[in-house]
Amino acid sequence: MFYINGTDIKIPCGDSAVIQFTLTADGEPYIFSEGEYALLTVSDKDSGETVIEKTADTQDEDGTVDFVFTASDTFIAKGTYCYTVKLMNGGSVDTVQGFPAKSAFTIG
């Protein structure tokens, strides 16, 4: 079972999870324009090397996207990594407004 504490996420090694984020702009649901999608990147906190990368290109009417992690995704070395969520649009990248630049992603 995974845990979320504020913006920090903890997933047991080799476990699966569906992590949801609700995208908003000025307090209203942000709905993707054509070609947009959300990218979640989990990186080594020291080297910056990407260890997991997930995309979400569909969302519900509230702007919520699902990032699906399989057991093989989280079967990596135990430890604390960092993650970012970005909005991708035709080559331009915007960090999701109001979202921390980096938050903890712990495999344990």
PDB file of N, CA and C in Angstrom:
ATOM      1  N   MET A   1       0.840  -1.169   0.000  1.00  0.00           N
ATOM      2  CA  MET A   1       0.000   0.000   0.000  1.00  0.00           C
ATOM      3  C   MET A   1       0.895   1.246   0.000  1.00  0.00           C
ATOM      4  N   PHE A   2       0.528   2.227  -0.810  1.00  0.00           N
ATOM      5  CA  PHE A   2       1.313   3.454  -0.872  1.00  0.00           C
ATOM      6  C   PHE A   2       0.736   4.488   0.095  1.00  0.00           C
ATOM      7  N   TYR A   3       1.566   5.470   0.457  1.00  0.00           N
ATOM      8  CA  TYR A   3       1.177   6.522   1.387  1.00  0.00           C
ATOM      9  C   TYR A   3       1.519   7.872   0.787  1.00  0.00           C
ATOM     10  N   ILE A   4       0.686   8.858   1.048  1.00  0.00           N
ATOM     11  CA  ILE A   4       0.975  10.230   0.644  1.00  0.00           C
ATOM     12  C   ILE A   4       0.890  11.102   1.885  1.00  0.00           C
ATOM     13  N   ASN A   5       1.934  11.895   2.116  1.00  0.00           N
ATOM     14  CA  ASN A   5       1.979  12.830   3.232  1.00  0.00           C
ATOM     15  C   ASN A   5       2.293  14.199   2.649  1.00  0.00           C
ATOM     16  N   GLY A   6       1.279  15.035   2.497  1.00  0.00           N
ATOM     17  CA  GLY A   6       1.469  16.315   1.818  1.00  0.00           C
ATOM     18  C   GLY A   6       1.756  16.048   0.358  1.00  0.00           C
ATOM     19  N   THR A   7       2.961  16.393  -0.084  1.00  0.00           N
ATOM     20  CA  THR A   7       3.355  16.109  -1.463  1.00  0.00           C
ATOM     21  C   THR A   7       4.345  14.946  -1.546  1.00  0.00           C
ATOM     22  N   ASP A   8       4.694  14.368  -0.396  1.00  0.00           N
ATOM     23  CA  ASP A   8       5.628  13.247  -0.382  1.00  0.00           C
ATOM     24  C   ASP A   8       4.883  11.929  -0.571  1.00  0.00           C
ATOM     25  N   ILE A   9       5.462  11.046  -1.368  1.00  0.00           N
ATOM     26  CA  ILE A   9       4.864   9.756  -1.697  1.00  0.00           C
ATOM     27  C   ILE A   9       5.803   8.649  -1.224  1.00  0.00           C
ATOM     28  N   LYS A  10       5.239   7.577  -0.651  1.00  0.00           N
ATOM     29  CA  LYS A  10       6.030   6.408  -0.271  1.00  0.00           C
ATOM     30  C   LYS A  10       5.324   5.168  -0.808  1.00  0.00           C
ATOM     31  N   ILE A  11       6.069   4.358  -1.562  1.00  0.00           N
ATOM     32  CA  ILE A  11       5.548   3.116  -2.133  1.00  0.00           C
ATOM     33  C   ILE A  11       6.488   1.982  -1.730  1.00  0.00           C
ATOM     34  N   PRO A  12       5.956   0.882  -1.194  1.00  0.00           N
ATOM     35  CA  PRO A  12       6.823  -0.254  -0.893  1.00  0.00           C
ATOM     36  C   PRO A  12       7.496  -0.779  -2.165  1.00  0.00           C
ATOM     37  N   CYS A  13       8.716  -1.231  -2.028  1.00  0.00           N
ATOM     38  CA  CYS A  13       9.462  -1.782  -3.158  1.00  0.00           C
ATOM     39  C   CYS A  13       8.678  -2.932  -3.777  1.00  0.00           C
ATOM     40  N   GLY A  14       8.487  -2.887  -5.097  1.00  0.00           N
ATOM     41  CA  GLY A  14       7.793  -3.941  -5.808  1.00  0.00           C
ATOM     42  C   GLY A  14       6.284  -3.878  -5.707  1.00  0.00           C
ATOM     43  N   ASP A  15       5.738  -2.767  -5.203  1.00  0.00           N
ATOM     44  CA  ASP A  15       4.289  -2.621  -5.084  1.00  0.00           C
ATOM     45  C   ASP A  15       3.754  -1.808  -6.258  1.00  0.00           C
ATOM     46  N   SER A  16       2.457  -1.909  -6.493  1.00  0.00           N
ATOM     47  CA  SER A  16       1.825  -1.118  -7.544  1.00  0.00           C
ATOM     48  C   SER A  16       0.977  -0.026  -6.900  1.00  0.00           C
ATOM     49  N   ALA A  17       0.675   1.020  -7.676  1.00  0.00           N
ATOM     50  CA  ALA A  17      -0.120   2.130  -7.155  1.00  0.00           C
ATOM     51  C   ALA A  17      -0.654   2.960  -8.306  1.00  0.00           C
ATOM     52  N   VAL A  18      -1.769   3.621  -8.054  1.00  0.00           N
ATOM     53  CA  VAL A  18      -2.289   4.628  -8.969  1.00  0.00           C
ATOM     54  C   VAL A  18      -2.274   5.937  -8.191  1.00  0.00           C
ATOM     55  N   ILE A  19      -1.407   6.844  -8.606  1.00  0.00           N
ATOM     56  CA  ILE A  19      -1.251   8.137  -7.935  1.00  0.00           C
ATOM     57  C   ILE A  19      -2.003   9.179  -8.751  1.00  0.00           C
ATOM     58  N   GLN A  20      -2.887   9.915  -8.092  1.00  0.00           N
ATOM     59  CA  GLN A  20      -3.698  10.914  -8.781  1.00  0.00           C
ATOM     60  C   GLN A  20      -3.229  12.323  -8.437  1.00  0.00           C
ATOM     61  N   PHE A  21      -3.259  13.183  -9.441  1.00  0.00           N
ATOM     62  CA  PHE A  21      -3.010  14.617  -9.271  1.00  0.00           C
ATOM     63  C   PHE A  21      -4.144  15.358  -9.951  1.00  0.00           C
ATOM     64  N   THR A  22      -4.654  16.400  -9.301  1.00  0.00           N
ATOM     65  CA  THR A  22      -5.677  17.240  -9.902  1.00  0.00           C
ATOM     66  C   THR A  22      -5.020  18.523 -10.370  1.00  0.00           C
ATOM     67  N   LEU A  23      -5.087  18.784 -11.665  1.00  0.00           N
ATOM     68  CA  LEU A  23      -4.477  19.968 -12.258  1.00  0.00           C
ATOM     69  C   LEU A  23      -5.481  21.114 -12.232  1.00  0.00           C
ATOM     70  N   THR A  24      -5.037  22.269 -11.748  1.00  0.00           N
ATOM     71  CA  THR A  24      -5.909  23.441 -11.703  1.00  0.00           C
ATOM     72  C   THR A  24      -5.164  24.658 -12.226  1.00  0.00           C
ATOM     73  N   ALA A  25      -5.929  25.637 -12.655  1.00  0.00           N
ATOM     74  CA  ALA A  25      -5.393  26.938 -13.058  1.00  0.00           C
ATOM     75  C   ALA A  25      -6.353  27.984 -12.502  1.00  0.00           C
ATOM     76  N   ASP A  26      -5.839  28.891 -11.679  1.00  0.00           N
ATOM     77  CA  ASP A  26      -6.665  29.922 -11.046  1.00  0.00           C
ATOM     78  C   ASP A  26      -7.843  29.315 -10.293  1.00  0.00           C
ATOM     79  N   GLY A  27      -7.619  28.190  -9.645  1.00  0.00           N
ATOM     80  CA  GLY A  27      -8.641  27.558  -8.835  1.00  0.00           C
ATOM     81  C   GLY A  27      -9.661  26.729  -9.597  1.00  0.00           C
ATOM     82  N   GLU A  28      -9.547  26.672 -10.906  1.00  0.00           N
ATOM     83  CA  GLU A  28     -10.476  25.913 -11.740  1.00  0.00           C
ATOM     84  C   GLU A  28      -9.758  24.693 -12.324  1.00  0.00           C
ATOM     85  N   PRO A  29     -10.511  23.626 -12.619  1.00  0.00           N
ATOM     86  CA  PRO A  29      -9.868  22.454 -13.236  1.00  0.00           C
ATOM     87  C   PRO A  29      -9.147  22.843 -14.528  1.00  0.00           C
ATOM     88  N   TYR A  30      -7.927  22.336 -14.684  1.00  0.00           N
ATOM     89  CA  TYR A  30      -7.180  22.565 -15.914  1.00  0.00           C
ATOM     90  C   TYR A  30      -7.371  21.335 -16.793  1.00  0.00           C
ATOM     91  N   ILE A  31      -7.962  21.535 -17.965  1.00  0.00           N
ATOM     92  CA  ILE A  31      -8.207  20.452 -18.902  1.00  0.00           C
ATOM     93  C   ILE A  31      -7.216  20.577 -20.057  1.00  0.00           C
ATOM     94  N   PHE A  32      -6.586  19.462 -20.392  1.00  0.00           N
ATOM     95  CA  PHE A  32      -5.583  19.459 -21.451  1.00  0.00           C
ATOM     96  C   PHE A  32      -6.131  20.027 -22.755  1.00  0.00           C
ATOM     97  N   SER A  33      -5.294  20.777 -23.438  1.00  0.00           N
ATOM     98  CA  SER A  33      -5.552  21.134 -24.831  1.00  0.00           C
ATOM     99  C   SER A  33      -5.034  19.978 -25.678  1.00  0.00           C
ATOM    100  N   GLU A  34      -5.371  19.967 -26.945  1.00  0.00           N
ATOM    101  CA  GLU A  34      -4.900  18.899 -27.821  1.00  0.00           C
ATOM    102  C   GLU A  34      -3.380  18.829 -27.801  1.00  0.00           C
ATOM    103  N   GLY A  35      -2.843  17.654 -27.604  1.00  0.00           N
ATOM    104  CA  GLY A  35      -1.403  17.443 -27.599  1.00  0.00           C
ATOM    105  C   GLY A  35      -0.748  17.599 -26.234  1.00  0.00           C
ATOM    106  N   GLU A  36      -1.471  18.071 -25.236  1.00  0.00           N
ATOM    107  CA  GLU A  36      -0.893  18.232 -23.902  1.00  0.00           C
ATOM    108  C   GLU A  36      -0.987  16.928 -23.117  1.00  0.00           C
ATOM    109  N   TYR A  37      -0.061  16.759 -22.179  1.00  0.00           N
ATOM    110  CA  TYR A  37      -0.110  15.628 -21.260  1.00  0.00           C
ATOM    111  C   TYR A  37       0.731  15.976 -20.041  1.00  0.00           C
ATOM    112  N   ALA A  38       0.566  15.206 -18.979  1.00  0.00           N
ATOM    113  CA  ALA A  38       1.338  15.407 -17.758  1.00  0.00           C
ATOM    114  C   ALA A  38       2.440  14.354 -17.703  1.00  0.00           C
ATOM    115  N   LEU A  39       3.589  14.768 -17.207  1.00  0.00           N
ATOM    116  CA  LEU A  39       4.756  13.892 -17.091  1.00  0.00           C
ATOM    117  C   LEU A  39       5.215  13.888 -15.642  1.00  0.00           C
ATOM    118  N   LEU A  40       5.301  12.705 -15.042  1.00  0.00           N
ATOM    119  CA  LEU A  40       5.837  12.542 -13.695  1.00  0.00           C
ATOM    120  C   LEU A  40       7.186  11.847 -13.833  1.00  0.00           C
ATOM    121  N   THR A  41       8.223  12.474 -13.302  1.00  0.00           N
ATOM    122  CA  THR A  41       9.574  11.932 -13.380  1.00  0.00           C
ATOM    123  C   THR A  41      10.108  11.707 -11.973  1.00  0.00           C
ATOM    124  N   VAL A  42      10.558  10.485 -11.698  1.00  0.00           N
ATOM    125  CA  VAL A  42      11.207  10.144 -10.435  1.00  0.00           C
ATOM    126  C   VAL A  42      12.698  10.058 -10.727  1.00  0.00           C
ATOM    127  N   SER A  43      13.485  10.813  -9.940  1.00  0.00           N
ATOM    128  CA  SER A  43      14.925  10.898 -10.197  1.00  0.00           C
ATOM    129  C   SER A  43      15.731  10.634  -8.943  1.00  0.00           C
ATOM    130  N   ASP A  44      16.969  10.180  -9.157  1.00  0.00           N
ATOM    131  CA  ASP A  44      17.924  10.061  -8.062  1.00  0.00           C
ATOM    132  C   ASP A  44      18.167  11.463  -7.515  1.00  0.00           C
ATOM    133  N   LYS A  45      18.023  11.630  -6.208  1.00  0.00           N
ATOM    134  CA  LYS A  45      18.115  12.980  -5.626  1.00  0.00           C
ATOM    135  C   LYS A  45      19.520  13.559  -5.691  1.00  0.00           C
ATOM    136  N   ASP A  46      20.536  12.724  -5.840  1.00  0.00           N
ATOM    137  CA  ASP A  46      21.905  13.231  -5.898  1.00  0.00           C
ATOM    138  C   ASP A  46      22.392  13.443  -7.336  1.00  0.00           C
ATOM    139  N   SER A  47      22.194  12.426  -8.183  1.00  0.00           N
ATOM    140  CA  SER A  47      22.722  12.512  -9.551  1.00  0.00           C
ATOM    141  C   SER A  47      21.732  13.143 -10.530  1.00  0.00           C
ATOM    142  N   GLY A  48      20.435  13.128 -10.177  1.00  0.00           N
ATOM    143  CA  GLY A  48      19.421  13.639 -11.096  1.00  0.00           C
ATOM    144  C   GLY A  48      19.023  12.644 -12.169  1.00  0.00           C
ATOM    145  N   GLU A  49      19.609  11.434 -12.140  1.00  0.00           N
ATOM    146  CA  GLU A  49      19.293  10.413 -13.138  1.00  0.00           C
ATOM    147  C   GLU A  49      17.844   9.953 -12.990  1.00  0.00           C
ATOM    148  N   THR A  50      17.124   9.896 -14.103  1.00  0.00           N
ATOM    149  CA  THR A  50      15.732   9.452 -14.098  1.00  0.00           C
ATOM    150  C   THR A  50      15.670   7.951 -13.875  1.00  0.00           C
ATOM    151  N   VAL A  51      14.837   7.518 -12.894  1.00  0.00           N
ATOM    152  CA  VAL A  51      14.676   6.093 -12.621  1.00  0.00           C
ATOM    153  C   VAL A  51      13.273   5.596 -12.988  1.00  0.00           C
ATOM    154  N   ILE A  52      12.297   6.486 -12.973  1.00  0.00           N
ATOM    155  CA  ILE A  52      10.931   6.149 -13.394  1.00  0.00           C
ATOM    156  C   ILE A  52      10.364   7.366 -14.124  1.00  0.00           C
ATOM    157  N   GLU A  53       9.673   7.115 -15.223  1.00  0.00           N
ATOM    158  CA  GLU A  53       9.003   8.202 -15.942  1.00  0.00           C
ATOM    159  C   GLU A  53       7.623   7.705 -16.344  1.00  0.00           C
ATOM    160  N   LYS A  54       6.595   8.467 -15.978  1.00  0.00           N
ATOM    161  CA  LYS A  54       5.217   8.094 -16.269  1.00  0.00           C
ATOM    162  C   LYS A  54       4.508   9.264 -16.939  1.00  0.00           C
ATOM    163  N   THR A  55       3.623   8.957 -17.883  1.00  0.00           N
ATOM    164  CA  THR A  55       2.836  10.004 -18.537  1.00  0.00           C
ATOM    165  C   THR A  55       1.354   9.748 -18.301  1.00  0.00           C
ATOM    166  N   ALA A  56       0.592  10.819 -18.373  1.00  0.00           N
ATOM    167  CA  ALA A  56      -0.870  10.739 -18.300  1.00  0.00           C
ATOM    168  C   ALA A  56      -1.413  11.701 -19.342  1.00  0.00           C
ATOM    169  N   ASP A  57      -2.179  11.169 -20.301  1.00  0.00           N
ATOM    170  CA  ASP A  57      -2.702  12.032 -21.359  1.00  0.00           C
ATOM    171  C   ASP A  57      -4.224  12.116 -21.351  1.00  0.00           C
ATOM    172  N   THR A  58      -4.841  11.481 -20.350  1.00  0.00           N
ATOM    173  CA  THR A  58      -6.286  11.600 -20.185  1.00  0.00           C
ATOM    174  C   THR A  58      -6.564  12.076 -18.767  1.00  0.00           C
ATOM    175  N   GLN A  59      -7.704  12.697 -18.592  1.00  0.00           N
ATOM    176  CA  GLN A  59      -8.088  13.190 -17.274  1.00  0.00           C
ATOM    177  C   GLN A  59      -9.600  13.245 -17.177  1.00  0.00           C
ATOM    178  N   ASP A  60     -10.097  13.348 -15.945  1.00  0.00           N
ATOM    179  CA  ASP A  60     -11.541  13.449 -15.777  1.00  0.00           C
ATOM    180  C   ASP A  60     -11.966  14.919 -15.826  1.00  0.00           C
ATOM    181  N   GLU A  61     -13.249  15.158 -15.657  1.00  0.00           N
ATOM    182  CA  GLU A  61     -13.782  16.523 -15.792  1.00  0.00           C
ATOM    183  C   GLU A  61     -13.288  17.467 -14.699  1.00  0.00           C
ATOM    184  N   ASP A  62     -12.711  16.922 -13.618  1.00  0.00           N
ATOM    185  CA  ASP A  62     -12.145  17.752 -12.554  1.00  0.00           C
ATOM    186  C   ASP A  62     -10.673  18.071 -12.783  1.00  0.00           C
ATOM    187  N   GLY A  63     -10.111  17.596 -13.897  1.00  0.00           N
ATOM    188  CA  GLY A  63      -8.703  17.832 -14.194  1.00  0.00           C
ATOM    189  C   GLY A  63      -7.771  16.814 -13.566  1.00  0.00           C
ATOM    190  N   THR A  64      -8.315  15.725 -13.029  1.00  0.00           N
ATOM    191  CA  THR A  64      -7.501  14.715 -12.348  1.00  0.00           C
ATOM    192  C   THR A  64      -6.878  13.754 -13.350  1.00  0.00           C
ATOM    193  N   VAL A  65      -5.578  13.516 -13.172  1.00  0.00           N
ATOM    194  CA  VAL A  65      -4.846  12.553 -13.996  1.00  0.00           C
ATOM    195  C   VAL A  65      -4.375  11.407 -13.104  1.00  0.00           C
ATOM    196  N   ASP A  66      -4.238  10.236 -13.702  1.00  0.00           N
ATOM    197  CA  ASP A  66      -3.767   9.047 -12.994  1.00  0.00           C
ATOM    198  C   ASP A  66      -2.413   8.633 -13.538  1.00  0.00           C
ATOM    199  N   PHE A  67      -1.447   8.464 -12.630  1.00  0.00           N
ATOM    200  CA  PHE A  67      -0.163   7.885 -12.991  1.00  0.00           C
ATOM    201  C   PHE A  67      -0.153   6.471 -12.427  1.00  0.00           C
ATOM    202  N   VAL A  68      -0.027   5.478 -13.307  1.00  0.00           N
ATOM    203  CA  VAL A  68      -0.113   4.074 -12.915  1.00  0.00           C
ATOM    204  C   VAL A  68       1.303   3.506 -12.773  1.00  0.00           C
ATOM    205  N   PHE A  69       1.596   3.018 -11.565  1.00  0.00           N
ATOM    206  CA  PHE A  69       2.880   2.396 -11.271  1.00  0.00           C
ATOM    207  C   PHE A  69       2.653   0.902 -11.103  1.00  0.00           C
ATOM    208  N   THR A  70       3.423   0.109 -11.826  1.00  0.00           N
ATOM    209  CA  THR A  70       3.344  -1.346 -11.700  1.00  0.00           C
ATOM    210  C   THR A  70       4.412  -1.820 -10.719  1.00  0.00           C
ATOM    211  N   ALA A  71       4.306  -3.089 -10.343  1.00  0.00           N
ATOM    212  CA  ALA A  71       5.300  -3.662  -9.434  1.00  0.00           C
ATOM    213  C   ALA A  71       6.709  -3.574 -10.028  1.00  0.00           C
ATOM    214  N   SER A  72       6.823  -3.755 -11.343  1.00  0.00           N
ATOM    215  CA  SER A  72       8.157  -3.685 -11.960  1.00  0.00           C
ATOM    216  C   SER A  72       8.698  -2.251 -11.963  1.00  0.00           C
ATOM    217  N   ASP A  73       7.823  -1.249 -11.996  1.00  0.00           N
ATOM    218  CA  ASP A  73       8.280   0.146 -11.920  1.00  0.00           C
ATOM    219  C   ASP A  73       8.962   0.432 -10.596  1.00  0.00           C
ATOM    220  N   THR A  74       8.399  -0.103  -9.512  1.00  0.00           N
ATOM    221  CA  THR A  74       8.899   0.233  -8.171  1.00  0.00           C
ATOM    222  C   THR A  74       9.880  -0.805  -7.628  1.00  0.00           C
ATOM    223  N   PHE A  75      10.242  -1.771  -8.462  1.00  0.00           N
ATOM    224  CA  PHE A  75      11.235  -2.758  -8.043  1.00  0.00           C
ATOM    225  C   PHE A  75      12.627  -2.198  -8.336  1.00  0.00           C
ATOM    226  N   ILE A  76      12.965  -1.153  -7.592  1.00  0.00           N
ATOM    227  CA  ILE A  76      14.261  -0.474  -7.714  1.00  0.00           C
ATOM    228  C   ILE A  76      14.867  -0.394  -6.319  1.00  0.00           C
ATOM    229  N   ALA A  77      16.096   0.079  -6.228  1.00  0.00           N
ATOM    230  CA  ALA A  77      16.772   0.176  -4.941  1.00  0.00           C
ATOM    231  C   ALA A  77      15.949   0.996  -3.960  1.00  0.00           C
ATOM    232  N   LYS A  78      15.836   0.490  -2.732  1.00  0.00           N
ATOM    233  CA  LYS A  78      15.120   1.226  -1.694  1.00  0.00           C
ATOM    234  C   LYS A  78      15.851   2.525  -1.400  1.00  0.00           C
ATOM    235  N   GLY A  79      15.101   3.568  -1.111  1.00  0.00           N
ATOM    236  CA  GLY A  79      15.705   4.854  -0.786  1.00  0.00           C
ATOM    237  C   GLY A  79      14.750   5.982  -1.098  1.00  0.00           C
ATOM    238  N   THR A  80      15.231   7.189  -0.884  1.00  0.00           N
ATOM    239  CA  THR A  80      14.416   8.362  -1.148  1.00  0.00           C
ATOM    240  C   THR A  80      14.896   9.034  -2.423  1.00  0.00           C
ATOM    241  N   TYR A  81      13.984   9.190  -3.355  1.00  0.00           N
ATOM    242  CA  TYR A  81      14.218   9.847  -4.632  1.00  0.00           C
ATOM    243  C   TYR A  81      13.449  11.166  -4.612  1.00  0.00           C
ATOM    244  N   CYS A  82      13.451  11.885  -5.693  1.00  0.00           N
ATOM    245  CA  CYS A  82      12.605  13.069  -5.795  1.00  0.00           C
ATOM    246  C   CYS A  82      11.776  12.949  -7.065  1.00  0.00           C
ATOM    247  N   TYR A  83      10.640  13.650  -7.088  1.00  0.00           N
ATOM    248  CA  TYR A  83       9.811  13.600  -8.288  1.00  0.00           C
ATOM    249  C   TYR A  83       9.330  14.986  -8.652  1.00  0.00           C
ATOM    250  N   THR A  84       9.018  15.139  -9.919  1.00  0.00           N
ATOM    251  CA  THR A  84       8.429  16.376 -10.423  1.00  0.00           C
ATOM    252  C   THR A  84       7.244  16.001 -11.303  1.00  0.00           C
ATOM    253  N   VAL A  85       6.284  16.902 -11.390  1.00  0.00           N
ATOM    254  CA  VAL A  85       5.160  16.756 -12.307  1.00  0.00           C
ATOM    255  C   VAL A  85       5.183  17.973 -13.218  1.00  0.00           C
ATOM    256  N   LYS A  86       5.201  17.726 -14.520  1.00  0.00           N
ATOM    257  CA  LYS A  86       5.254  18.817 -15.491  1.00  0.00           C
ATOM    258  C   LYS A  86       4.153  18.652 -16.521  1.00  0.00           C
ATOM    259  N   LEU A  87       3.716  19.778 -17.056  1.00  0.00           N
ATOM    260  CA  LEU A  87       2.747  19.796 -18.136  1.00  0.00           C
ATOM    261  C   LEU A  87       3.527  19.930 -19.433  1.00  0.00           C
ATOM    262  N   MET A  88       3.316  18.996 -20.335  1.00  0.00           N
ATOM    263  CA  MET A  88       4.035  18.967 -21.604  1.00  0.00           C
ATOM    264  C   MET A  88       3.073  19.392 -22.708  1.00  0.00           C
ATOM    265  N   ASN A  89       3.579  20.274 -23.598  1.00  0.00           N
ATOM    266  CA  ASN A  89       2.714  20.788 -24.655  1.00  0.00           C
ATOM    267  C   ASN A  89       3.551  21.087 -25.881  1.00  0.00           C
ATOM    268  N   GLY A  90       3.505  20.203 -26.833  1.00  0.00           N
ATOM    269  CA  GLY A  90       4.170  20.456 -28.102  1.00  0.00           C
ATOM    270  C   GLY A  90       5.614  20.885 -27.990  1.00  0.00           C
ATOM    271  N   GLY A  91       6.337  20.327 -27.038  1.00  0.00           N
ATOM    272  CA  GLY A  91       7.743  20.667 -26.886  1.00  0.00           C
ATOM    273  C   GLY A  91       8.023  21.643 -25.768  1.00  0.00           C
ATOM    274  N   SER A  92       7.016  22.422 -25.338  1.00  0.00           N
ATOM    275  CA  SER A  92       7.248  23.316 -24.207  1.00  0.00           C
ATOM    276  C   SER A  92       6.901  22.585 -22.920  1.00  0.00           C
ATOM    277  N   VAL A  93       7.572  22.964 -21.843  1.00  0.00           N
ATOM    278  CA  VAL A  93       7.384  22.294 -20.563  1.00  0.00           C
ATOM    279  C   VAL A  93       7.100  23.349 -19.510  1.00  0.00           C
ATOM    280  N   ASP A  94       6.057  23.138 -18.746  1.00  0.00           N
ATOM    281  CA  ASP A  94       5.741  24.019 -17.630  1.00  0.00           C
ATOM    282  C   ASP A  94       5.570  23.168 -16.386  1.00  0.00           C
ATOM    283  N   THR A  95       6.290  23.516 -15.301  1.00  0.00           N
ATOM    284  CA  THR A  95       6.041  22.838 -14.039  1.00  0.00           C
ATOM    285  C   THR A  95       4.635  23.195 -13.613  1.00  0.00           C
ATOM    286  N   VAL A  96       3.897  22.243 -13.118  1.00  0.00           N
ATOM    287  CA  VAL A  96       2.518  22.482 -12.720  1.00  0.00           C
ATOM    288  C   VAL A  96       2.480  23.601 -11.691  1.00  0.00           C
ATOM    289  N   GLN A  97       1.693  24.630 -11.972  1.00  0.00           N
ATOM    290  CA  GLN A  97       1.637  25.823 -11.125  1.00  0.00           C
ATOM    291  C   GLN A  97       1.250  25.446  -9.698  1.00  0.00           C
ATOM    292  N   GLY A  98       1.974  26.021  -8.742  1.00  0.00           N
ATOM    293  CA  GLY A  98       1.689  25.783  -7.342  1.00  0.00           C
ATOM    294  C   GLY A  98       2.235  24.482  -6.809  1.00  0.00           C
ATOM    295  N   PHE A  99       2.924  23.722  -7.644  1.00  0.00           N
ATOM    296  CA  PHE A  99       3.460  22.427  -7.228  1.00  0.00           C
ATOM    297  C   PHE A  99       4.924  22.599  -6.844  1.00  0.00           C
ATOM    298  N   PRO A 100       5.365  21.963  -5.775  1.00  0.00           N
ATOM    299  CA  PRO A 100       6.782  22.077  -5.394  1.00  0.00           C
ATOM    300  C   PRO A 100       7.698  21.640  -6.548  1.00  0.00           C
ATOM    301  N   ALA A 101       8.841  22.266  -6.650  1.00  0.00           N
ATOM    302  CA  ALA A 101       9.783  21.899  -7.696  1.00  0.00           C
ATOM    303  C   ALA A 101      10.186  20.440  -7.586  1.00  0.00           C
ATOM    304  N   LYS A 102      10.415  19.980  -6.369  1.00  0.00           N
ATOM    305  CA  LYS A 102      10.775  18.580  -6.147  1.00  0.00           C
ATOM    306  C   LYS A 102      10.174  18.117  -4.828  1.00  0.00           C
ATOM    307  N   SER A 103       9.616  16.931  -4.836  1.00  0.00           N
ATOM    308  CA  SER A 103       9.062  16.336  -3.629  1.00  0.00           C
ATOM    309  C   SER A 103       9.651  14.947  -3.453  1.00  0.00           C
ATOM    310  N   ALA A 104       9.581  14.423  -2.229  1.00  0.00           N
ATOM    311  CA  ALA A 104      10.174  13.116  -1.926  1.00  0.00           C
ATOM    312  C   ALA A 104       9.323  11.988  -2.500  1.00  0.00           C
ATOM    313  N   PHE A 105      10.005  10.995  -3.056  1.00  0.00           N
ATOM    314  CA  PHE A 105       9.391   9.764  -3.564  1.00  0.00           C
ATOM    315  C   PHE A 105      10.216   8.644  -2.982  1.00  0.00           C
ATOM    316  N   THR A 106       9.663   7.957  -1.990  1.00  0.00           N
ATOM    317  CA  THR A 106      10.429   6.953  -1.260  1.00  0.00           C
ATOM    318  C   THR A 106       9.994   5.554  -1.648  1.00  0.00           C
ATOM    319  N   ILE A 107      10.975   4.723  -1.958  1.00  0.00           N
ATOM    320  CA  ILE A 107      10.756   3.300  -2.185  1.00  0.00           C
ATOM    321  C   ILE A 107      11.266   2.603  -0.939  1.00  0.00           C
ATOM    322  N   GLY A 108      10.393   1.866  -0.277  1.00  0.00           N
ATOM    323  CA  GLY A 108      10.840   1.255   0.977  1.00  0.00           C
ATOM    324  C   GLY A 108      10.000   0.090   1.383  1.00  0.00           C
TER     325      GLY A 108
END
